[in-house]
PDB file of all heavy atoms in Angstrom:
ATOM      1  N   GLY A   1      -5.561   0.186  29.787  1.00  0.00           N
ATOM      2  CA  GLY A   1      -6.773   0.721  30.347  1.00  0.00           C
ATOM      3  C   GLY A   1      -7.043   2.103  29.896  1.00  0.00           C
ATOM      4  O   GLY A   1      -7.912   2.830  30.486  1.00  0.00           O
ATOM      5  N   LEU A   2      -6.594   2.441  28.724  1.00  0.00           N
ATOM      6  CA  LEU A   2      -6.708   3.831  28.172  1.00  0.00           C
ATOM      7  C   LEU A   2      -7.531   3.747  26.924  1.00  0.00           C
ATOM      8  O   LEU A   2      -7.461   4.638  26.015  1.00  0.00           O
ATOM      9  CB  LEU A   2      -5.355   4.553  27.990  1.00  0.00           C
ATOM     10  CG  LEU A   2      -4.508   4.685  29.241  1.00  0.00           C
ATOM     11  CD1 LEU A   2      -3.141   5.247  28.869  1.00  0.00           C
ATOM     12  CD2 LEU A   2      -5.278   5.686  30.245  1.00  0.00           C
ATOM     13  N   GLY A   3      -8.188   2.670  26.583  1.00  0.00           N
ATOM     14  CA  GLY A   3      -8.852   2.471  25.333  1.00  0.00           C
ATOM     15  C   GLY A   3     -10.352   2.677  25.327  1.00  0.00           C
ATOM     16  O   GLY A   3     -11.042   2.033  24.635  1.00  0.00           O
ATOM     17  N   GLY A   4     -10.767   3.549  26.290  1.00  0.00           N
ATOM     18  CA  GLY A   4     -12.234   3.721  26.413  1.00  0.00           C
ATOM     19  C   GLY A   4     -12.930   4.516  25.391  1.00  0.00           C
ATOM     20  O   GLY A   4     -14.154   4.435  25.285  1.00  0.00           O
ATOM     21  N   HIS A   5     -12.198   5.384  24.562  1.00  0.00           N
ATOM     22  CA  HIS A   5     -12.832   6.244  23.627  1.00  0.00           C
ATOM     23  C   HIS A   5     -13.444   5.310  22.508  1.00  0.00           C
ATOM     24  O   HIS A   5     -12.761   4.415  21.960  1.00  0.00           O
ATOM     25  CB  HIS A   5     -11.810   7.208  22.934  1.00  0.00           C
ATOM     26  CG  HIS A   5     -12.355   8.296  22.272  1.00  0.00           C
ATOM     27  ND1 HIS A   5     -12.922   8.195  20.984  1.00  0.00           N
ATOM     28  CD2 HIS A   5     -12.664   9.575  22.576  1.00  0.00           C
ATOM     29  CE1 HIS A   5     -13.393   9.291  20.489  1.00  0.00           C
ATOM     30  NE2 HIS A   5     -13.231  10.264  21.604  1.00  0.00           N
ATOM     31  N   PRO A   6     -14.716   5.606  22.158  1.00  0.00           N
ATOM     32  CA  PRO A   6     -15.389   4.726  21.104  1.00  0.00           C
ATOM     33  C   PRO A   6     -14.732   4.747  19.690  1.00  0.00           C
ATOM     34  O   PRO A   6     -14.954   3.852  19.021  1.00  0.00           O
ATOM     35  CB  PRO A   6     -16.751   5.234  21.123  1.00  0.00           C
ATOM     36  CG  PRO A   6     -16.664   6.742  21.608  1.00  0.00           C
ATOM     37  CD  PRO A   6     -15.553   6.714  22.587  1.00  0.00           C
ATOM     38  N   ARG A   7     -13.931   5.757  19.367  1.00  0.00           N
ATOM     39  CA  ARG A   7     -13.288   5.861  18.136  1.00  0.00           C
ATOM     40  C   ARG A   7     -11.854   5.307  18.084  1.00  0.00           C
ATOM     41  O   ARG A   7     -11.232   5.349  17.038  1.00  0.00           O
ATOM     42  CB  ARG A   7     -13.354   7.279  17.579  1.00  0.00           C
ATOM     43  CG  ARG A   7     -14.747   7.864  17.343  1.00  0.00           C
ATOM     44  CD  ARG A   7     -15.485   7.157  16.187  1.00  0.00           C
ATOM     45  NE  ARG A   7     -14.768   7.353  14.969  1.00  0.00           N
ATOM     46  CZ  ARG A   7     -15.130   6.686  13.817  1.00  0.00           C
ATOM     47  NH1 ARG A   7     -15.950   5.789  13.818  1.00  0.00           N
ATOM     48  NH2 ARG A   7     -14.441   6.943  12.744  1.00  0.00           N
ATOM     49  N   LEU A   8     -11.361   4.850  19.275  1.00  0.00           N
ATOM     50  CA  LEU A   8      -9.975   4.430  19.247  1.00  0.00           C
ATOM     51  C   LEU A   8      -9.898   3.123  18.406  1.00  0.00           C
ATOM     52  O   LEU A   8     -10.667   2.192  18.584  1.00  0.00           O
ATOM     53  CB  LEU A   8      -9.646   3.988  20.702  1.00  0.00           C
ATOM     54  CG  LEU A   8      -8.143   3.525  20.765  1.00  0.00           C
ATOM     55  CD1 LEU A   8      -7.224   4.665  20.817  1.00  0.00           C
ATOM     56  CD2 LEU A   8      -7.978   2.739  22.109  1.00  0.00           C
ATOM     57  N   GLY A   9      -8.960   3.100  17.572  1.00  0.00           N
ATOM     58  CA  GLY A   9      -8.756   1.992  16.596  1.00  0.00           C
ATOM     59  C   GLY A   9      -9.513   2.015  15.368  1.00  0.00           C
ATOM     60  O   GLY A   9      -9.293   1.267  14.408  1.00  0.00           O
ATOM     61  N   ARG A  10     -10.485   2.926  15.319  1.00  0.00           N
ATOM     62  CA  ARG A  10     -11.321   3.133  13.988  1.00  0.00           C
ATOM     63  C   ARG A  10     -10.598   4.147  13.208  1.00  0.00           C
ATOM     64  O   ARG A  10      -9.607   4.656  13.449  1.00  0.00           O
ATOM     65  CB  ARG A  10     -12.748   3.436  14.442  1.00  0.00           C
ATOM     66  CG  ARG A  10     -13.456   2.307  15.119  1.00  0.00           C
ATOM     67  CD  ARG A  10     -14.900   2.576  15.427  1.00  0.00           C
ATOM     68  NE  ARG A  10     -15.545   1.488  16.037  1.00  0.00           N
ATOM     69  CZ  ARG A  10     -16.240   0.507  15.468  1.00  0.00           C
ATOM     70  NH1 ARG A  10     -16.243   0.454  14.104  1.00  0.00           N
ATOM     71  NH2 ARG A  10     -16.728  -0.473  16.073  1.00  0.00           N
ATOM     72  N   ASN A  11     -11.282   4.454  11.999  1.00  0.00           N
ATOM     73  CA  ASN A  11     -10.794   5.567  11.134  1.00  0.00           C
ATOM     74  C   ASN A  11      -9.524   5.225  10.397  1.00  0.00           C
ATOM     75  O   ASN A  11      -8.707   6.103  10.139  1.00  0.00           O
ATOM     76  CB  ASN A  11     -10.557   6.806  12.037  1.00  0.00           C
ATOM     77  CG  ASN A  11     -10.444   8.025  11.144  1.00  0.00           C
ATOM     78  OD1 ASN A  11     -11.220   8.406  10.287  1.00  0.00           O
ATOM     79  ND2 ASN A  11      -9.394   8.813  11.473  1.00  0.00           N
ATOM     80  N   LEU A  12      -9.310   3.903  10.223  1.00  0.00           N
ATOM     81  CA  LEU A  12      -8.001   3.438   9.643  1.00  0.00           C
ATOM     82  C   LEU A  12      -7.952   3.753   8.182  1.00  0.00           C
ATOM     83  O   LEU A  12      -8.846   3.264   7.443  1.00  0.00           O
ATOM     84  CB  LEU A  12      -7.796   1.950   9.909  1.00  0.00           C
ATOM     85  CG  LEU A  12      -6.621   1.265   9.213  1.00  0.00           C
ATOM     86  CD1 LEU A  12      -5.274   1.864   9.736  1.00  0.00           C
ATOM     87  CD2 LEU A  12      -6.635  -0.210   9.456  1.00  0.00           C
ATOM     88  N   SER A  13      -6.981   4.505   7.684  1.00  0.00           N
ATOM     89  CA  SER A  13      -6.648   4.665   6.344  1.00  0.00           C
ATOM     90  C   SER A  13      -5.368   3.909   6.025  1.00  0.00           C
ATOM     91  O   SER A  13      -4.535   3.854   6.784  1.00  0.00           O
ATOM     92  CB  SER A  13      -6.577   6.139   5.871  1.00  0.00           C
ATOM     93  OG  SER A  13      -7.773   6.892   5.789  1.00  0.00           O
ATOM     94  N   VAL A  14      -5.306   3.336   4.736  1.00  0.00           N
ATOM     95  CA  VAL A  14      -4.175   2.498   4.424  1.00  0.00           C
ATOM     96  C   VAL A  14      -3.510   2.743   3.053  1.00  0.00           C
ATOM     97  O   VAL A  14      -2.656   1.956   2.690  1.00  0.00           O
ATOM     98  CB  VAL A  14      -4.413   1.105   4.598  1.00  0.00           C
ATOM     99  CG1 VAL A  14      -4.768   0.702   6.016  1.00  0.00           C
ATOM    100  CG2 VAL A  14      -5.618   0.582   3.722  1.00  0.00           C
ATOM    101  N   HIS A  15      -4.017   3.701   2.251  1.00  0.00           N
ATOM    102  CA  HIS A  15      -3.496   3.839   0.960  1.00  0.00           C
ATOM    103  C   HIS A  15      -3.545   2.430   0.148  1.00  0.00           C
ATOM    104  O   HIS A  15      -2.480   1.770  -0.166  1.00  0.00           O
ATOM    105  CB  HIS A  15      -2.000   4.256   0.807  1.00  0.00           C
ATOM    106  CG  HIS A  15      -1.972   5.737   0.745  1.00  0.00           C
ATOM    107  ND1 HIS A  15      -0.884   6.534   1.329  1.00  0.00           N
ATOM    108  CD2 HIS A  15      -2.763   6.776   0.316  1.00  0.00           C
ATOM    109  CE1 HIS A  15      -1.128   7.762   1.175  1.00  0.00           C
ATOM    110  NE2 HIS A  15      -2.202   7.932   0.553  1.00  0.00           N
ATOM    111  N   PRO A  16      -4.755   1.931  -0.189  1.00  0.00           N
ATOM    112  CA  PRO A  16      -4.860   0.691  -0.965  1.00  0.00           C
ATOM    113  C   PRO A  16      -4.033   0.812  -2.269  1.00  0.00           C
ATOM    114  O   PRO A  16      -4.078   1.868  -2.882  1.00  0.00           O
ATOM    115  CB  PRO A  16      -6.278   0.517  -1.273  1.00  0.00           C
ATOM    116  CG  PRO A  16      -7.012   1.383  -0.249  1.00  0.00           C
ATOM    117  CD  PRO A  16      -6.099   2.514   0.056  1.00  0.00           C
ATOM    118  N   ALA A  17      -3.347  -0.196  -2.660  1.00  0.00           N
ATOM    119  CA  ALA A  17      -2.390  -0.085  -3.816  1.00  0.00           C
ATOM    120  C   ALA A  17      -2.422  -1.362  -4.710  1.00  0.00           C
ATOM    121  O   ALA A  17      -2.692  -2.531  -4.287  1.00  0.00           O
ATOM    122  CB  ALA A  17      -0.990   0.154  -3.310  1.00  0.00           C
ATOM    123  N   THR A  18      -2.146  -1.104  -5.936  1.00  0.00           N
ATOM    124  CA  THR A  18      -1.972  -2.229  -6.922  1.00  0.00           C
ATOM    125  C   THR A  18      -0.897  -1.924  -7.865  1.00  0.00           C
ATOM    126  O   THR A  18      -0.511  -0.804  -8.018  1.00  0.00           O
ATOM    127  CB  THR A  18      -3.323  -2.517  -7.553  1.00  0.00           C
ATOM    128  OG1 THR A  18      -3.242  -3.776  -8.271  1.00  0.00           O
ATOM    129  CG2 THR A  18      -3.719  -1.394  -8.548  1.00  0.00           C
ATOM    130  N   SER A  19      -0.460  -2.889  -8.619  1.00  0.00           N
ATOM    131  CA  SER A  19       0.675  -2.784  -9.493  1.00  0.00           C
ATOM    132  C   SER A  19       0.435  -3.379 -10.917  1.00  0.00           C
ATOM    133  O   SER A  19      -0.489  -4.162 -11.059  1.00  0.00           O
ATOM    134  CB  SER A  19       1.994  -3.420  -8.967  1.00  0.00           C
ATOM    135  OG  SER A  19       2.365  -2.830  -7.736  1.00  0.00           O
ATOM    136  N   VAL A  20       1.046  -2.819 -11.925  1.00  0.00           N
ATOM    137  CA  VAL A  20       0.955  -3.284 -13.280  1.00  0.00           C
ATOM    138  C   VAL A  20       2.366  -3.339 -13.864  1.00  0.00           C
ATOM    139  O   VAL A  20       3.164  -2.512 -13.460  1.00  0.00           O
ATOM    140  CB  VAL A  20       0.016  -2.250 -14.030  1.00  0.00           C
ATOM    141  CG1 VAL A  20       0.162  -2.513 -15.577  1.00  0.00           C
ATOM    142  CG2 VAL A  20      -1.416  -2.502 -13.656  1.00  0.00           C
ATOM    143  N   ALA A  21       2.544  -4.224 -14.789  1.00  0.00           N
ATOM    144  CA  ALA A  21       3.894  -4.339 -15.450  1.00  0.00           C
ATOM    145  C   ALA A  21       3.695  -4.286 -16.919  1.00  0.00           C
ATOM    146  O   ALA A  21       2.659  -4.761 -17.465  1.00  0.00           O
ATOM    147  CB  ALA A  21       4.561  -5.705 -14.960  1.00  0.00           C
ATOM    148  N   GLY A  22       4.630  -3.746 -17.560  1.00  0.00           N
ATOM    149  CA  GLY A  22       4.761  -3.717 -19.001  1.00  0.00           C
ATOM    150  C   GLY A  22       6.002  -4.407 -19.537  1.00  0.00           C
ATOM    151  O   GLY A  22       7.016  -4.283 -18.983  1.00  0.00           O
ATOM    152  N   ARG A  23       5.760  -5.266 -20.595  1.00  0.00           N
ATOM    153  CA  ARG A  23       6.809  -6.043 -21.201  1.00  0.00           C
ATOM    154  C   ARG A  23       7.354  -5.308 -22.410  1.00  0.00           C
ATOM    155  O   ARG A  23       6.666  -4.868 -23.200  1.00  0.00           O
ATOM    156  CB  ARG A  23       6.369  -7.483 -21.656  1.00  0.00           C
ATOM    157  CG  ARG A  23       7.481  -8.311 -22.145  1.00  0.00           C
ATOM    158  CD  ARG A  23       7.064  -9.639 -22.654  1.00  0.00           C
ATOM    159  NE  ARG A  23       6.151 -10.289 -21.625  1.00  0.00           N
ATOM    160  CZ  ARG A  23       6.530 -10.958 -20.546  1.00  0.00           C
ATOM    161  NH1 ARG A  23       7.852 -10.912 -20.256  1.00  0.00           N
ATOM    162  NH2 ARG A  23       5.779 -11.492 -19.758  1.00  0.00           N
ATOM    163  N   PHE A  24       8.727  -5.105 -22.381  1.00  0.00           N
ATOM    164  CA  PHE A  24       9.350  -4.383 -23.542  1.00  0.00           C
ATOM    165  C   PHE A  24      10.221  -5.292 -24.319  1.00  0.00           C
ATOM    166  O   PHE A  24      10.648  -6.341 -23.816  1.00  0.00           O
ATOM    167  CB  PHE A  24      10.112  -3.303 -22.837  1.00  0.00           C
ATOM    168  CG  PHE A  24       9.290  -2.084 -22.301  1.00  0.00           C
ATOM    169  CD1 PHE A  24       8.591  -2.186 -21.078  1.00  0.00           C
ATOM    170  CD2 PHE A  24       9.078  -0.958 -23.033  1.00  0.00           C
ATOM    171  CE1 PHE A  24       7.832  -1.229 -20.608  1.00  0.00           C
ATOM    172  CE2 PHE A  24       8.298   0.040 -22.537  1.00  0.00           C
ATOM    173  CZ  PHE A  24       7.579  -0.106 -21.296  1.00  0.00           C
ATOM    174  N   ALA A  25      10.524  -4.843 -25.533  1.00  0.00           N
ATOM    175  CA  ALA A  25      11.412  -5.690 -26.379  1.00  0.00           C
ATOM    176  C   ALA A  25      12.803  -5.770 -25.921  1.00  0.00           C
ATOM    177  O   ALA A  25      13.408  -6.771 -26.073  1.00  0.00           O
ATOM    178  CB  ALA A  25      11.269  -5.057 -27.859  1.00  0.00           C
ATOM    179  N   GLU A  26      13.300  -4.724 -25.295  1.00  0.00           N
ATOM    180  CA  GLU A  26      14.647  -4.677 -24.862  1.00  0.00           C
ATOM    181  C   GLU A  26      14.649  -4.846 -23.307  1.00  0.00           C
ATOM    182  O   GLU A  26      13.705  -4.477 -22.642  1.00  0.00           O
ATOM    183  CB  GLU A  26      15.359  -3.412 -25.250  1.00  0.00           C
ATOM    184  CG  GLU A  26      15.506  -3.206 -26.723  1.00  0.00           C
ATOM    185  CD  GLU A  26      16.232  -4.314 -27.445  1.00  0.00           C
ATOM    186  OE1 GLU A  26      17.240  -4.783 -26.827  1.00  0.00           O
ATOM    187  OE2 GLU A  26      15.884  -4.616 -28.604  1.00  0.00           O
ATOM    188  N   PRO A  27      15.812  -5.282 -22.748  1.00  0.00           N
ATOM    189  CA  PRO A  27      15.935  -5.409 -21.320  1.00  0.00           C
ATOM    190  C   PRO A  27      15.645  -4.083 -20.565  1.00  0.00           C
ATOM    191  O   PRO A  27      16.199  -3.095 -21.047  1.00  0.00           O
ATOM    192  CB  PRO A  27      17.314  -6.040 -21.084  1.00  0.00           C
ATOM    193  CG  PRO A  27      17.614  -6.739 -22.325  1.00  0.00           C
ATOM    194  CD  PRO A  27      16.925  -5.958 -23.414  1.00  0.00           C
ATOM    195  N   VAL A  28      14.891  -4.200 -19.541  1.00  0.00           N
ATOM    196  CA  VAL A  28      14.695  -2.978 -18.607  1.00  0.00           C
ATOM    197  C   VAL A  28      15.527  -3.145 -17.356  1.00  0.00           C
ATOM    198  O   VAL A  28      16.154  -2.184 -16.881  1.00  0.00           O
ATOM    199  CB  VAL A  28      13.178  -2.857 -18.311  1.00  0.00           C
ATOM    200  CG1 VAL A  28      12.979  -1.725 -17.288  1.00  0.00           C
ATOM    201  CG2 VAL A  28      12.333  -2.719 -19.515  1.00  0.00           C
ATOM    202  N   THR A  29      15.627  -4.360 -16.905  1.00  0.00           N
ATOM    203  CA  THR A  29      16.316  -4.581 -15.575  1.00  0.00           C
ATOM    204  C   THR A  29      15.962  -3.648 -14.616  1.00  0.00           C
ATOM    205  O   THR A  29      16.744  -2.762 -14.108  1.00  0.00           O
ATOM    206  CB  THR A  29      17.868  -4.705 -15.823  1.00  0.00           C
ATOM    207  OG1 THR A  29      18.173  -5.353 -17.036  1.00  0.00           O
ATOM    208  CG2 THR A  29      18.540  -5.438 -14.611  1.00  0.00           C
ATOM    209  N   ALA A  30      14.620  -3.577 -14.195  1.00  0.00           N
ATOM    210  CA  ALA A  30      14.101  -2.519 -13.415  1.00  0.00           C
ATOM    211  C   ALA A  30      14.769  -2.485 -12.039  1.00  0.00           C
ATOM    212  O   ALA A  30      14.627  -1.419 -11.404  1.00  0.00           O
ATOM    213  CB  ALA A  30      12.642  -2.770 -13.209  1.00  0.00           C
ATOM    214  N   TRP A  31      15.344  -3.558 -11.571  1.00  0.00           N
ATOM    215  CA  TRP A  31      15.931  -3.552 -10.266  1.00  0.00           C
ATOM    216  C   TRP A  31      17.294  -2.928 -10.237  1.00  0.00           C
ATOM    217  O   TRP A  31      17.977  -2.890  -9.222  1.00  0.00           O
ATOM    218  CB  TRP A  31      16.023  -4.952  -9.636  1.00  0.00           C
ATOM    219  CG  TRP A  31      16.589  -5.944 -10.574  1.00  0.00           C
ATOM    220  CD1 TRP A  31      17.932  -6.246 -10.655  1.00  0.00           C
ATOM    221  CD2 TRP A  31      15.938  -6.837 -11.451  1.00  0.00           C
ATOM    222  NE1 TRP A  31      18.179  -7.232 -11.578  1.00  0.00           N
ATOM    223  CE2 TRP A  31      16.996  -7.671 -12.080  1.00  0.00           C
ATOM    224  CE3 TRP A  31      14.661  -6.993 -11.872  1.00  0.00           C
ATOM    225  CZ2 TRP A  31      16.610  -8.582 -13.114  1.00  0.00           C
ATOM    226  CZ3 TRP A  31      14.317  -7.920 -12.758  1.00  0.00           C
ATOM    227  CH2 TRP A  31      15.307  -8.767 -13.382  1.00  0.00           C
ATOM    228  N   GLU A  32      17.771  -2.333 -11.317  1.00  0.00           N
ATOM    229  CA  GLU A  32      18.981  -1.555 -11.376  1.00  0.00           C
ATOM    230  C   GLU A  32      18.567  -0.101 -11.505  1.00  0.00           C
ATOM    231  O   GLU A  32      18.196   0.418 -12.535  1.00  0.00           O
ATOM    232  CB  GLU A  32      19.892  -2.040 -12.457  1.00  0.00           C
ATOM    233  CG  GLU A  32      20.400  -3.444 -12.369  1.00  0.00           C
ATOM    234  CD  GLU A  32      21.320  -3.818 -13.504  1.00  0.00           C
ATOM    235  OE1 GLU A  32      21.473  -2.989 -14.473  1.00  0.00           O
ATOM    236  OE2 GLU A  32      21.874  -4.953 -13.478  1.00  0.00           O
TER     237      GLU A  32
END
């Protein structure tokens, strides 16, 4: 019963993100 403010739940920022991979001639084994 404390959700009366009109901006409650709005104003959401989330750091949108994406990834790219590069293929190399030699092993990278990125998870090590």
